N, C-alpha and C. Protein backbone atom coordinates (compact mmCIF):
# COMPACT_ATOMS: atom_id res chain seq x y z
N UNK A 1 -11.28 -26.89 -51.25
CA UNK A 1 -10.91 -27.70 -50.06
C UNK A 1 -10.80 -29.00 -50.66
N UNK A 2 -9.93 -29.40 -50.34
CA UNK A 2 -9.53 -31.02 -50.93
C UNK A 2 -10.17 -31.92 -49.99
N UNK A 3 -10.67 -33.13 -50.62
CA UNK A 3 -11.16 -33.90 -50.17
C UNK A 3 -10.06 -35.13 -49.60
N UNK A 4 -10.46 -35.90 -48.63
CA UNK A 4 -9.84 -36.78 -47.77
C UNK A 4 -8.80 -37.60 -48.50
N UNK A 5 -9.17 -38.25 -49.85
CA UNK A 5 -8.35 -39.32 -50.90
C UNK A 5 -7.51 -38.03 -51.62
N UNK A 6 -8.11 -37.04 -52.00
CA UNK A 6 -7.18 -35.85 -52.37
C UNK A 6 -5.87 -35.17 -51.73
N UNK A 7 -6.22 -35.32 -50.46
CA UNK A 7 -5.52 -34.98 -49.13
C UNK A 7 -4.09 -35.90 -49.04
N UNK A 8 -4.51 -37.48 -49.13
CA UNK A 8 -4.05 -38.52 -48.61
C UNK A 8 -2.91 -38.67 -49.94
N UNK A 9 -3.48 -38.75 -51.25
CA UNK A 9 -2.44 -39.18 -52.36
C UNK A 9 -1.44 -37.45 -52.59
N UNK A 10 -1.83 -36.37 -51.81
CA UNK A 10 -0.58 -35.40 -52.18
C UNK A 10 0.41 -35.64 -51.21
N UNK A 11 -0.07 -35.90 -49.83
CA UNK A 11 0.60 -36.67 -48.81
C UNK A 11 1.80 -37.40 -49.17
N UNK A 12 0.93 -38.10 -49.84
CA UNK A 12 2.28 -39.86 -50.41
C UNK A 12 2.86 -39.38 -51.37
N UNK A 13 2.87 -38.05 -51.81
CA UNK A 13 3.71 -38.38 -53.24
C UNK A 13 4.73 -37.10 -52.27
N UNK A 14 4.77 -36.78 -51.23
CA UNK A 14 6.32 -35.88 -50.51
C UNK A 14 6.65 -36.44 -49.86
N UNK A 15 8.20 -36.35 -50.35
CA UNK A 15 9.25 -37.64 -50.01
C UNK A 15 9.58 -37.14 -48.23
N UNK A 16 9.82 -38.21 -47.39
CA UNK A 16 9.55 -38.32 -46.02
C UNK A 16 11.04 -38.79 -45.42
N UNK A 17 11.66 -38.26 -44.35
CA UNK A 17 13.16 -38.98 -43.62
C UNK A 17 12.31 -39.08 -42.64
N UNK A 18 12.79 -39.75 -41.61
CA UNK A 18 12.19 -40.09 -40.68
C UNK A 18 13.51 -40.15 -39.75
N UNK A 19 13.50 -40.09 -38.63
CA UNK A 19 14.87 -39.91 -38.12
C UNK A 19 14.17 -40.62 -36.76
N UNK A 20 15.10 -41.91 -36.52
CA UNK A 20 14.32 -42.67 -35.26
C UNK A 20 15.28 -42.31 -34.15
N UNK A 21 14.77 -41.25 -33.66
CA UNK A 21 15.23 -40.99 -32.22
C UNK A 21 14.98 -42.16 -30.95
N UNK A 22 15.78 -42.64 -29.79
CA UNK A 22 15.23 -42.92 -28.68
C UNK A 22 14.09 -41.84 -28.10
N UNK A 23 13.20 -42.80 -27.57
CA UNK A 23 12.14 -41.97 -26.46
C UNK A 23 11.89 -42.22 -25.26
N UNK A 24 12.08 -41.75 -24.27
CA UNK A 24 11.70 -42.21 -22.92
C UNK A 24 11.14 -41.15 -22.19
N UNK A 25 10.33 -41.65 -21.59
CA UNK A 25 8.94 -41.20 -20.94
C UNK A 25 9.62 -41.10 -19.50
N UNK A 26 9.56 -39.91 -19.27
CA UNK A 26 10.18 -39.57 -17.54
C UNK A 26 8.93 -39.65 -16.52
N UNK A 27 7.44 -39.88 -17.14
CA UNK A 27 6.61 -39.77 -16.49
C UNK A 27 5.59 -41.16 -15.79
N UNK A 28 6.64 -42.32 -15.55
CA UNK A 28 6.68 -43.31 -14.81
C UNK A 28 6.48 -43.24 -13.51
N UNK A 29 5.76 -44.48 -12.84
CA UNK A 29 6.21 -44.27 -11.50
C UNK A 29 7.14 -44.57 -11.00
N UNK A 30 7.90 -44.05 -9.72
CA UNK A 30 9.27 -44.26 -9.37
C UNK A 30 8.85 -45.12 -7.85
N UNK A 31 9.70 -45.97 -7.46
CA UNK A 31 9.31 -46.54 -6.11
C UNK A 31 9.36 -45.65 -5.36
N UNK A 32 8.40 -45.69 -3.88
CA UNK A 32 9.01 -44.99 -3.08
C UNK A 32 10.07 -44.61 -2.40
N UNK A 33 10.30 -45.50 -2.12
CA UNK A 33 11.71 -45.45 -1.80
C UNK A 33 13.01 -44.59 -2.38
N UNK A 34 12.67 -44.45 -3.96
CA UNK A 34 13.56 -43.84 -4.50
C UNK A 34 13.83 -42.41 -5.10
N UNK A 35 12.48 -42.05 -4.70
CA UNK A 35 11.85 -40.58 -4.84
C UNK A 35 12.92 -39.51 -4.36
N UNK A 36 13.19 -39.86 -2.58
CA UNK A 36 14.46 -38.70 -2.64
C UNK A 36 15.49 -38.47 -3.01
N UNK A 37 15.90 -39.64 -3.86
CA UNK A 37 17.23 -39.33 -4.23
C UNK A 37 17.31 -38.65 -6.12
N UNK A 38 15.54 -38.77 -6.17
CA UNK A 38 15.72 -38.25 -7.69
C UNK A 38 15.32 -36.80 -7.31
N UNK A 39 14.92 -36.09 -6.08
CA UNK A 39 14.73 -34.48 -5.83
C UNK A 39 13.47 -34.32 -6.10
N UNK A 40 12.76 -33.07 -6.04
CA UNK A 40 11.53 -32.71 -6.24
C UNK A 40 10.32 -33.32 -7.28
N UNK A 41 8.79 -33.27 -7.09
CA UNK A 41 8.56 -33.65 -8.39
C UNK A 41 7.42 -32.82 -8.16
N UNK A 42 6.74 -32.91 -9.55
CA UNK A 42 5.35 -32.45 -9.74
C UNK A 42 4.15 -32.93 -8.21
N UNK A 43 4.48 -33.90 -7.74
CA UNK A 43 3.72 -34.88 -6.81
C UNK A 43 4.31 -34.04 -5.45
N UNK A 44 5.68 -33.72 -5.27
CA UNK A 44 5.73 -33.37 -4.11
C UNK A 44 6.29 -31.92 -4.06
N UNK A 45 6.53 -31.28 -2.89
CA UNK A 45 6.83 -29.55 -3.01
C UNK A 45 8.33 -29.79 -3.14
N UNK A 46 9.03 -28.74 -3.16
CA UNK A 46 10.20 -28.39 -3.30
C UNK A 46 10.55 -27.79 -2.44
N UNK A 47 11.95 -28.23 -1.12
CA UNK A 47 12.11 -28.06 -0.25
C UNK A 47 13.31 -26.95 -0.51
N UNK A 48 13.44 -25.54 0.08
CA UNK A 48 14.37 -24.49 -0.60
C UNK A 48 15.40 -24.78 0.83
N UNK A 49 16.72 -24.79 0.51
CA UNK A 49 17.71 -24.71 1.79
C UNK A 49 17.93 -23.47 2.17
N UNK A 50 18.17 -23.18 3.11
CA UNK A 50 18.31 -21.74 4.16
C UNK A 50 19.39 -21.73 3.45
N UNK A 51 19.81 -20.18 2.99
CA UNK A 51 21.44 -19.86 2.44
C UNK A 51 21.92 -18.92 3.09
N UNK A 52 22.90 -18.84 4.03
CA UNK A 52 23.19 -17.93 4.86
C UNK A 52 23.96 -16.80 3.80
N UNK A 53 23.50 -15.61 4.71
CA UNK A 53 23.75 -14.42 4.36
C UNK A 53 22.95 -13.92 3.06
N UNK A 54 21.96 -14.10 2.64
CA UNK A 54 20.41 -14.21 2.04
C UNK A 54 19.73 -13.05 3.00
N UNK A 55 19.49 -12.04 2.04
CA UNK A 55 18.30 -11.01 3.00
C UNK A 55 17.39 -10.65 1.68
N UNK A 56 16.39 -10.70 2.12
CA UNK A 56 15.11 -10.06 1.55
C UNK A 56 15.18 -9.49 1.16
N UNK A 57 14.30 -8.54 -0.18
CA UNK A 57 14.15 -7.10 -0.39
C UNK A 57 12.98 -6.74 0.21
N UNK A 58 11.93 -7.67 0.63
CA UNK A 58 10.74 -7.25 1.14
C UNK A 58 10.58 -6.74 2.12
N UNK A 59 9.90 -5.04 2.20
CA UNK A 59 10.15 -4.71 3.50
C UNK A 59 9.23 -5.80 5.01
N UNK A 60 9.74 -5.58 6.38
CA UNK A 60 8.90 -6.44 7.22
C UNK A 60 7.44 -6.26 7.14
N UNK A 61 6.35 -7.24 7.68
CA UNK A 61 5.43 -6.93 7.47
C UNK A 61 4.86 -6.48 9.06
N UNK A 62 4.19 -5.48 8.67
CA UNK A 62 3.83 -4.74 10.08
C UNK A 62 2.45 -4.92 10.14
N UNK A 63 1.61 -5.59 11.11
CA UNK A 63 0.22 -5.31 11.40
C UNK A 63 -0.92 -3.90 10.91
N UNK A 64 -1.65 -4.12 10.37
CA UNK A 64 -2.29 -3.00 9.81
C UNK A 64 -3.20 -2.72 11.18
N UNK A 65 -3.12 -1.45 11.48
CA UNK A 65 -4.03 -1.30 13.00
C UNK A 65 -5.28 -0.20 12.13
N UNK A 66 -6.46 -0.86 12.31
CA UNK A 66 -7.41 0.24 11.70
C UNK A 66 -7.77 1.40 12.88
N UNK A 67 -8.13 2.88 12.15
CA UNK A 67 -8.30 4.18 12.78
C UNK A 67 -9.84 3.69 12.67
N UNK A 68 -10.39 4.28 13.89
CA UNK A 68 -11.59 5.34 14.19
C UNK A 68 -11.28 6.63 13.79
N UNK A 69 -12.46 7.03 13.64
CA UNK A 69 -13.08 8.63 13.68
C UNK A 69 -13.55 9.14 14.73
N UNK A 70 -13.49 10.46 14.96
CA UNK A 70 -13.63 10.91 16.50
C UNK A 70 -14.94 11.24 16.21
N UNK A 71 -16.12 11.34 17.13
CA UNK A 71 -17.37 12.29 17.21
C UNK A 71 -17.48 13.48 16.87
N UNK A 72 -18.03 14.15 15.77
CA UNK A 72 -18.11 15.54 15.47
C UNK A 72 -18.52 16.28 16.58
N UNK A 73 -19.11 15.60 17.45
CA UNK A 73 -18.58 17.22 18.86
C UNK A 73 -17.80 17.06 19.09
N UNK A 74 -16.69 15.67 19.66
CA UNK A 74 -15.19 15.91 20.00
C UNK A 74 -14.30 17.07 19.00
N UNK A 75 -14.64 16.92 17.62
CA UNK A 75 -13.92 17.57 16.89
C UNK A 75 -14.11 19.20 17.20
N UNK A 76 -15.45 19.26 17.14
CA UNK A 76 -15.71 20.52 17.41
C UNK A 76 -15.22 21.21 18.51
N UNK A 77 -15.40 20.63 19.54
CA UNK A 77 -14.81 21.00 20.94
C UNK A 77 -12.87 21.37 20.53
N UNK A 78 -12.84 20.50 20.27
CA UNK A 78 -11.16 20.64 19.73
C UNK A 78 -10.40 22.17 18.98
N UNK A 79 -11.92 21.92 18.24
CA UNK A 79 -11.38 23.13 17.14
C UNK A 79 -11.24 24.70 17.89
N UNK A 80 -12.73 24.15 18.52
CA UNK A 80 -13.01 25.53 19.28
C UNK A 80 -11.73 26.13 20.26
N UNK A 81 -11.18 25.29 20.83
CA UNK A 81 -9.70 25.36 21.97
C UNK A 81 -8.81 25.88 21.06
N UNK A 82 -8.53 25.84 20.18
CA UNK A 82 -7.78 26.15 19.00
C UNK A 82 -7.65 26.83 17.80
N UNK A 83 -9.15 27.57 17.87
CA UNK A 83 -9.72 28.90 17.25
C UNK A 83 -8.87 29.74 17.29
N UNK A 84 -8.60 30.48 18.25
CA UNK A 84 -7.83 31.71 18.36
C UNK A 84 -6.04 31.60 17.88
N UNK A 85 -5.79 30.20 18.02
CA UNK A 85 -4.33 30.43 17.54
C UNK A 85 -4.34 30.05 16.50
N UNK A 86 -4.95 29.36 15.49
CA UNK A 86 -5.76 29.01 14.42
C UNK A 86 -5.42 30.39 13.63
N UNK A 87 -6.62 31.29 13.90
CA UNK A 87 -6.53 32.56 13.55
C UNK A 87 -5.15 33.68 13.34
N UNK A 88 -4.57 33.15 14.59
CA UNK A 88 -3.03 33.99 14.85
C UNK A 88 -2.10 33.31 13.71
N UNK A 89 -2.50 31.92 12.84
CA UNK A 89 -1.67 31.73 11.95
C UNK A 89 -1.45 32.10 11.00
N UNK A 90 -2.93 32.44 10.62
CA UNK A 90 -3.28 32.75 9.15
C UNK A 90 -2.86 34.26 9.48
N UNK A 91 -3.05 35.17 10.43
CA UNK A 91 -2.65 36.56 10.19
C UNK A 91 -1.22 36.16 10.21
N UNK A 92 -0.50 36.01 10.64
CA UNK A 92 1.13 35.61 10.57
C UNK A 92 1.53 35.57 8.90
N UNK A 93 0.40 34.54 8.46
CA UNK A 93 1.07 34.39 7.09
C UNK A 93 0.53 35.30 5.98
N UNK A 94 -0.35 35.96 6.27
CA UNK A 94 -0.69 37.18 5.60
C UNK A 94 0.60 38.42 5.91
N UNK A 95 0.99 38.16 7.05
CA UNK A 95 2.28 39.02 6.70
C UNK A 95 3.31 38.96 5.92
N UNK A 96 3.29 37.65 6.06
CA UNK A 96 4.73 36.93 5.39
C UNK A 96 4.15 36.85 3.75
N UNK A 97 2.80 36.75 3.64
CA UNK A 97 2.50 36.71 1.89
C UNK A 97 1.22 37.75 2.10
N UNK A 98 1.15 38.88 1.33
CA UNK A 98 0.09 39.61 1.30
C UNK A 98 -0.83 39.41 0.48
N UNK A 99 -0.42 38.00 -0.58
CA UNK A 99 -1.39 38.19 -1.76
C UNK A 99 -2.09 36.40 -1.21
N UNK A 100 -1.85 36.50 0.20
CA UNK A 100 -3.15 35.16 0.42
C UNK A 100 -4.20 36.00 0.38
N UNK A 101 -5.09 34.59 -0.17
CA UNK A 101 -6.48 35.26 -0.16
C UNK A 101 -7.31 34.18 0.55
N UNK A 102 -8.58 34.72 0.97
CA UNK A 102 -9.31 33.66 1.64
C UNK A 102 -9.49 32.11 1.28
N UNK A 103 -9.28 31.31 1.90
CA UNK A 103 -8.77 30.14 1.79
C UNK A 103 -9.52 29.06 2.83
N UNK A 104 -9.62 27.63 2.11
CA UNK A 104 -10.15 26.49 2.92
C UNK A 104 -8.96 26.09 3.21
N UNK A 105 -8.54 25.22 4.40
CA UNK A 105 -7.16 24.33 4.48
C UNK A 105 -8.06 23.32 5.59
N UNK A 106 -7.83 22.04 4.64
CA UNK A 106 -8.25 21.04 5.43
C UNK A 106 -6.96 20.28 6.07
N UNK A 107 -7.02 20.20 7.37
CA UNK A 107 -5.80 19.53 8.42
C UNK A 107 -6.32 17.99 8.48
N UNK A 108 -5.65 17.43 7.92
CA UNK A 108 -5.90 15.70 8.31
C UNK A 108 -4.96 15.38 9.38
N UNK A 109 -5.60 14.77 10.94
CA UNK A 109 -4.73 14.26 11.99
C UNK A 109 -4.42 13.18 11.87
N UNK A 110 -3.69 12.62 12.52
CA UNK A 110 -3.86 11.22 12.82
C UNK A 110 -3.25 11.42 14.61
N UNK A 111 -4.19 10.26 15.34
CA UNK A 111 -4.16 10.56 16.69
C UNK A 111 -3.50 8.74 17.01
N UNK A 112 -2.87 8.49 18.11
CA UNK A 112 -3.04 7.42 18.65
C UNK A 112 -3.45 7.08 19.99
N UNK A 113 -3.63 6.33 20.87
CA UNK A 113 -4.86 5.99 21.46
C UNK A 113 -4.94 6.52 22.86
N UNK A 114 -3.44 7.61 23.06
CA UNK A 114 -4.27 8.47 24.14
C UNK A 114 -4.92 9.69 23.54
N UNK A 115 -4.91 10.08 22.66
CA UNK A 115 -5.41 10.98 22.00
C UNK A 115 -4.87 11.75 21.67
N UNK A 116 -3.03 11.91 21.32
CA UNK A 116 -2.46 12.67 20.97
C UNK A 116 -2.25 12.76 19.53
N UNK A 117 -1.86 13.70 19.34
CA UNK A 117 -1.58 13.83 17.60
C UNK A 117 -0.50 13.65 17.29
N UNK A 118 -0.44 12.74 16.29
CA UNK A 118 1.24 11.90 15.96
C UNK A 118 1.63 12.72 14.88
N UNK A 119 0.12 12.69 13.61
CA UNK A 119 0.94 13.30 12.20
C UNK A 119 0.12 13.91 11.85
N UNK A 120 0.77 15.59 11.49
CA UNK A 120 -0.39 16.45 10.38
C UNK A 120 0.03 16.49 8.95
N UNK A 121 -0.92 16.74 8.48
CA UNK A 121 -1.00 17.05 6.97
C UNK A 121 -1.54 17.93 6.41
N UNK A 122 -1.55 19.49 5.93
CA UNK A 122 -2.41 20.64 5.08
C UNK A 122 -2.14 20.15 3.91
N UNK A 123 -3.59 20.56 3.46
CA UNK A 123 -3.66 21.02 1.75
C UNK A 123 -3.14 22.22 1.61
N UNK A 124 -2.94 23.52 1.97
CA UNK A 124 -2.86 24.52 1.84
C UNK A 124 -1.30 24.65 1.28
N UNK A 125 -0.79 26.06 0.11
CA UNK A 125 -0.06 25.95 -0.63
C UNK A 125 1.18 26.78 -0.05
N UNK A 126 0.88 27.72 0.99
CA UNK A 126 1.56 28.74 1.44
C UNK A 126 2.26 27.75 2.88
N UNK A 127 3.50 27.65 2.22
CA UNK A 127 4.59 26.86 3.38
C UNK A 127 4.39 26.88 4.96
N UNK A 128 4.75 28.50 5.51
CA UNK A 128 4.29 28.63 6.59
C UNK A 128 3.23 28.50 7.30
N UNK A 129 2.11 28.93 6.57
CA UNK A 129 0.58 28.41 7.27
C UNK A 129 0.79 27.31 7.46
N UNK A 130 0.84 26.31 6.62
CA UNK A 130 1.20 24.79 7.21
C UNK A 130 1.66 24.55 8.33
N UNK A 131 3.15 24.85 8.26
CA UNK A 131 3.71 24.50 9.81
C UNK A 131 2.86 25.42 10.89
N UNK A 132 3.16 26.35 10.76
CA UNK A 132 2.01 27.10 12.27
C UNK A 132 0.66 26.33 12.41
N UNK A 133 -0.30 25.86 11.46
CA UNK A 133 -1.10 24.92 11.56
C UNK A 133 -0.69 23.61 12.41
N UNK A 134 0.78 23.41 11.89
CA UNK A 134 0.50 21.89 12.48
C UNK A 134 0.75 21.94 13.64
N UNK A 135 1.70 22.99 14.15
CA UNK A 135 2.38 23.16 15.56
C UNK A 135 0.65 23.28 16.40
N UNK A 136 -0.18 24.04 16.31
CA UNK A 136 -1.29 24.53 16.78
C UNK A 136 -2.11 22.70 16.69
N UNK A 137 -1.69 22.17 15.65
CA UNK A 137 -3.25 21.33 15.29
C UNK A 137 -2.65 20.26 16.76
N UNK A 138 -0.96 20.04 16.91
CA UNK A 138 -0.20 19.13 17.52
C UNK A 138 -0.92 19.19 19.69
N UNK A 139 -1.01 20.44 19.56
CA UNK A 139 -1.57 20.95 21.23
C UNK A 139 -3.05 20.62 21.05
N UNK A 140 -3.60 20.59 20.28
CA UNK A 140 -5.39 20.21 20.43
C UNK A 140 -6.10 19.25 21.56
N UNK A 141 -6.73 19.61 22.35
CA UNK A 141 -7.20 18.55 23.38
C UNK A 141 -7.65 17.54 23.24
N UNK A 142 -7.61 16.29 22.72
CA UNK A 142 -8.36 15.23 22.16
C UNK A 142 -8.62 14.13 22.93
N UNK A 143 -9.86 13.82 23.69
CA UNK A 143 -9.85 12.32 24.47
C UNK A 143 -9.44 11.09 24.16
N UNK A 144 -8.59 10.56 24.78
CA UNK A 144 -8.14 9.14 24.31
C UNK A 144 -9.21 8.60 23.72
N UNK A 145 -9.44 8.14 22.67
CA UNK A 145 -9.71 6.82 21.93
C UNK A 145 -9.70 5.44 22.32
N UNK A 146 -8.81 5.25 22.55
CA UNK A 146 -8.43 3.93 23.13
C UNK A 146 -7.93 3.38 21.88
N UNK A 147 -7.70 4.05 21.01
CA UNK A 147 -6.77 2.65 19.54
C UNK A 147 -6.86 4.26 18.53
N UNK A 148 -5.86 3.90 17.55
CA UNK A 148 -5.20 5.04 16.40
C UNK A 148 -6.90 5.85 15.93
N UNK A 149 -6.49 6.88 15.94
CA UNK A 149 -8.09 7.66 15.17
C UNK A 149 -7.17 8.73 14.00
N UNK A 150 -8.15 8.97 13.51
CA UNK A 150 -7.97 10.23 12.40
C UNK A 150 -9.14 11.08 12.83
N UNK A 151 -8.73 12.12 12.25
CA UNK A 151 -9.82 13.36 12.30
C UNK A 151 -9.26 14.14 10.79
N UNK A 152 -10.40 14.81 10.49
CA UNK A 152 -9.95 16.06 9.55
C UNK A 152 -10.55 17.39 10.12
N UNK A 153 -9.87 18.16 10.23
CA UNK A 153 -10.31 19.65 10.12
C UNK A 153 -10.65 20.54 9.15
N UNK A 154 -11.94 20.86 8.88
CA UNK A 154 -11.77 22.08 7.58
C UNK A 154 -12.03 23.52 8.71
N UNK A 155 -10.76 24.35 7.76
CA UNK A 155 -10.49 25.31 8.19
C UNK A 155 -10.82 26.41 7.31
N UNK A 156 -11.77 27.66 7.91
CA UNK A 156 -12.00 29.13 6.55
C UNK A 156 -11.36 30.14 6.96
N UNK A 157 -10.96 30.27 6.39
CA UNK A 157 -9.75 31.72 6.39
C UNK A 157 -10.26 32.76 5.84
N UNK A 158 -10.49 34.19 5.99
CA UNK A 158 -11.03 34.98 5.51
C UNK A 158 -10.06 36.44 5.62
């Protein structure tokens, strides 16, 4: 490591060419009445003019509606009403594909505020069984929860 005196001596021996360039500082204060003519600065926000024909690529904002879950006794009652038809769906799926084995299927239902099923999803690999279960699920008698609700129905077939 060099000492301060050695470093200064080595730097003094280097040839130095300086170009003197005009230097202007743009950070000075501008009179208030002249700021609008210069445009936005770091102190004022930029105002973007509306461009006709400009379309946003972002989807429109839709407010999120929180879903509620129904009480277990309500779900059990609705499942009991649909049980015979769910079993017919299983029998039909077995006739179409005899290789089906005992299965647990989860149905995810979305209900509107009046208790009507608006969407059904199932985790079964059998398309025929999934379609039939969705048709039956749309007819299940749910009471009106007053706002959107979700229900998960676990179905066991043997």
